[in-house]
Protein backbone atom coordinates (compact mmCIF):
# COMPACT_ATOMS: atom_id res chain seq x y z
CA MET A 1 30.23 -18.62 -14.19
CA SER A 2 29.33 -17.89 -17.78
CA THR A 3 25.97 -18.15 -19.46
CA THR A 4 25.28 -18.54 -23.10
CA ALA A 5 22.19 -17.52 -24.96
CA LYS A 6 20.53 -20.50 -26.57
CA ALA A 7 18.85 -20.12 -29.90
CA ALA A 8 15.10 -19.81 -29.84
CA SER A 9 12.97 -22.01 -32.04
CA ASN A 10 12.93 -19.27 -34.68
CA GLY A 11 16.73 -19.07 -34.73
CA SER A 12 17.12 -15.83 -32.78
CA THR A 13 19.27 -15.54 -29.66
CA ASP A 14 17.30 -12.87 -27.82
CA GLN A 15 17.42 -12.35 -24.06
CA ALA A 16 13.83 -13.47 -23.50
CA ALA A 17 14.52 -16.84 -25.10
CA ALA A 18 17.64 -17.18 -22.96
CA ALA A 19 15.62 -16.34 -19.85
CA VAL A 20 13.08 -19.04 -20.66
CA THR A 21 15.69 -21.72 -21.24
CA THR A 22 17.92 -20.82 -18.27
CA GLY A 23 15.09 -20.13 -15.84
CA GLN A 24 16.51 -16.69 -15.02
CA PRO A 25 14.15 -13.72 -15.22
CA GLU A 26 15.02 -11.08 -17.77
CA ARG A 27 16.80 -8.09 -16.18
CA ILE A 28 14.71 -4.96 -16.37
CA THR A 29 16.25 -1.98 -18.09
CA GLY A 30 15.41 1.55 -19.14
CA MET A 31 12.44 3.27 -17.57
CA ALA A 32 11.35 0.08 -15.83
CA GLN A 33 14.63 0.15 -13.90
CA VAL A 34 14.15 3.86 -13.13
CA ARG A 35 10.63 3.11 -11.86
CA GLU A 36 11.96 0.36 -9.60
CA ALA A 37 14.53 2.74 -8.08
CA GLU A 38 11.94 5.48 -7.71
CA THR A 39 9.54 3.12 -5.93
CA TYR A 40 12.26 1.90 -3.57
CA HIS A 41 13.32 5.43 -2.67
CA ALA A 42 9.72 6.62 -2.19
CA ALA A 43 9.11 3.75 0.23
CA SER A 44 12.35 4.57 2.06
CA VAL A 45 11.45 8.25 2.47
CA LEU A 46 7.92 7.30 3.53
CA ASN A 47 9.32 5.06 6.26
CA GLU A 48 11.87 7.64 7.43
CA ALA A 49 9.26 10.42 7.58
CA ALA A 50 6.83 8.27 9.55
CA CYS A 51 9.56 7.17 11.99
CA GLU A 52 10.71 10.75 12.53
CA ALA A 53 7.11 11.88 13.10
CA GLU A 54 6.68 9.13 15.69
CA ARG A 55 9.88 10.17 17.47
CA LEU A 56 8.73 13.79 17.64
CA CYS A 57 5.21 12.86 18.76
CA THR A 58 6.67 10.71 21.51
CA ALA A 59 8.78 13.66 22.73
CA VAL A 60 5.69 15.89 22.80
CA TYR A 61 3.66 13.21 24.57
CA ARG A 62 6.31 12.61 27.23
CA ALA A 63 6.78 16.31 27.97
CA VAL A 64 3.04 16.90 28.33
CA THR A 65 2.51 13.68 30.29
CA ASP A 66 5.35 14.51 32.70
CA ALA A 67 3.90 17.98 33.30
CA TYR A 68 0.40 16.54 33.74
CA PHE A 69 1.37 13.97 36.34
CA LYS A 70 3.50 16.44 38.23
CA ASP A 71 0.55 18.84 38.24
CA VAL A 72 -1.85 16.09 39.36
CA ARG A 73 0.51 15.34 42.25
CA HIS A 74 0.63 19.09 42.99
CA ASN A 75 4.25 19.31 42.00
CA ALA A 76 4.98 21.60 39.09
CA ASP A 77 7.58 20.57 36.53
CA SER A 78 11.03 22.12 36.75
CA ASP A 79 9.73 25.18 34.87
CA GLY A 80 6.55 25.35 36.95
CA ARG A 81 4.31 24.72 33.92
CA THR A 82 1.09 22.77 33.68
CA ALA A 83 0.46 20.23 30.93
CA THR A 84 -1.36 22.86 28.85
CA GLU A 85 1.37 25.43 29.36
CA THR A 86 3.96 22.83 28.39
CA ALA A 87 2.04 21.99 25.20
CA GLU A 88 1.84 25.70 24.35
CA SER A 89 5.56 26.31 24.91
CA PRO A 90 7.63 27.26 21.84
CA GLU A 91 9.84 24.17 22.19
CA ILE A 92 6.93 21.71 22.24
CA ARG A 93 4.97 23.59 19.56
CA GLY A 94 8.06 23.47 17.35
CA LYS A 95 8.34 19.70 17.79
CA ALA A 96 4.63 19.28 17.10
CA GLU A 97 4.85 21.37 13.92
CA GLU A 98 7.87 19.41 12.74
CA ALA A 99 6.02 16.14 13.43
CA LEU A 100 3.11 17.43 11.34
CA ASN A 101 5.50 18.30 8.50
CA CYS A 102 6.96 14.78 8.66
CA LEU A 103 3.47 13.27 8.60
CA HIS A 104 2.59 15.41 5.59
CA ALA A 105 5.73 14.20 3.79
CA ALA A 106 4.86 10.60 4.67
CA GLU A 107 1.37 11.10 3.25
CA CYS A 108 2.75 12.55 0.00
CA TYR A 109 5.13 9.63 -0.50
CA LEU A 110 2.42 7.12 0.39
CA ARG A 111 0.13 8.67 -2.21
CA ARG A 112 2.94 8.37 -4.77
CA LEU A 113 3.17 4.67 -4.06
CA LEU A 114 -0.60 4.21 -4.26
CA THR A 115 -1.22 6.20 -7.41
CA GLY A 116 1.96 5.53 -9.36
CA TYR A 117 3.99 8.00 -11.30
CA GLU A 118 3.62 9.73 -14.60
CA PRO A 119 6.48 8.76 -16.89
CA PRO A 120 8.92 11.65 -17.41
CA PHE A 121 8.96 11.17 -21.19
C-alpha cells in the first residue's frame, strides 16, 4: 500500500496536510516519541514493582497467618514459632523489607507519571 502526500491549499506537501486529507494522524517524532517511550516504560516498571510487592506481602501474610492459626490451635509451626516470632524471623523480615523497597519504587514511578518529566535538553 502506498500513500501520496496531497498538496495543501497553499501548494505545500507537508505531512500535516497529508494527515488531514488521508485521515491518518501525524506520526510523532523526536522528543515526543522519546516521551511516549519513557511514559510506557515508567508505567511498566510501576506495574511490575507493585505486583512484586504484592507477591512478597502475600508470602509474609501467609507465613504469619499459618503460624498464628497453628498457635491458636496450640500447635506450633514446624519451627515452633509464634506468629510474632515468625514475623521477626530474618527470612520474613527480608521479604518485608524487599516488599517495602518495591513499594517505594512503585511510588517513585507513579510520581513520575503524575508530575511529568523535565526535558533532557
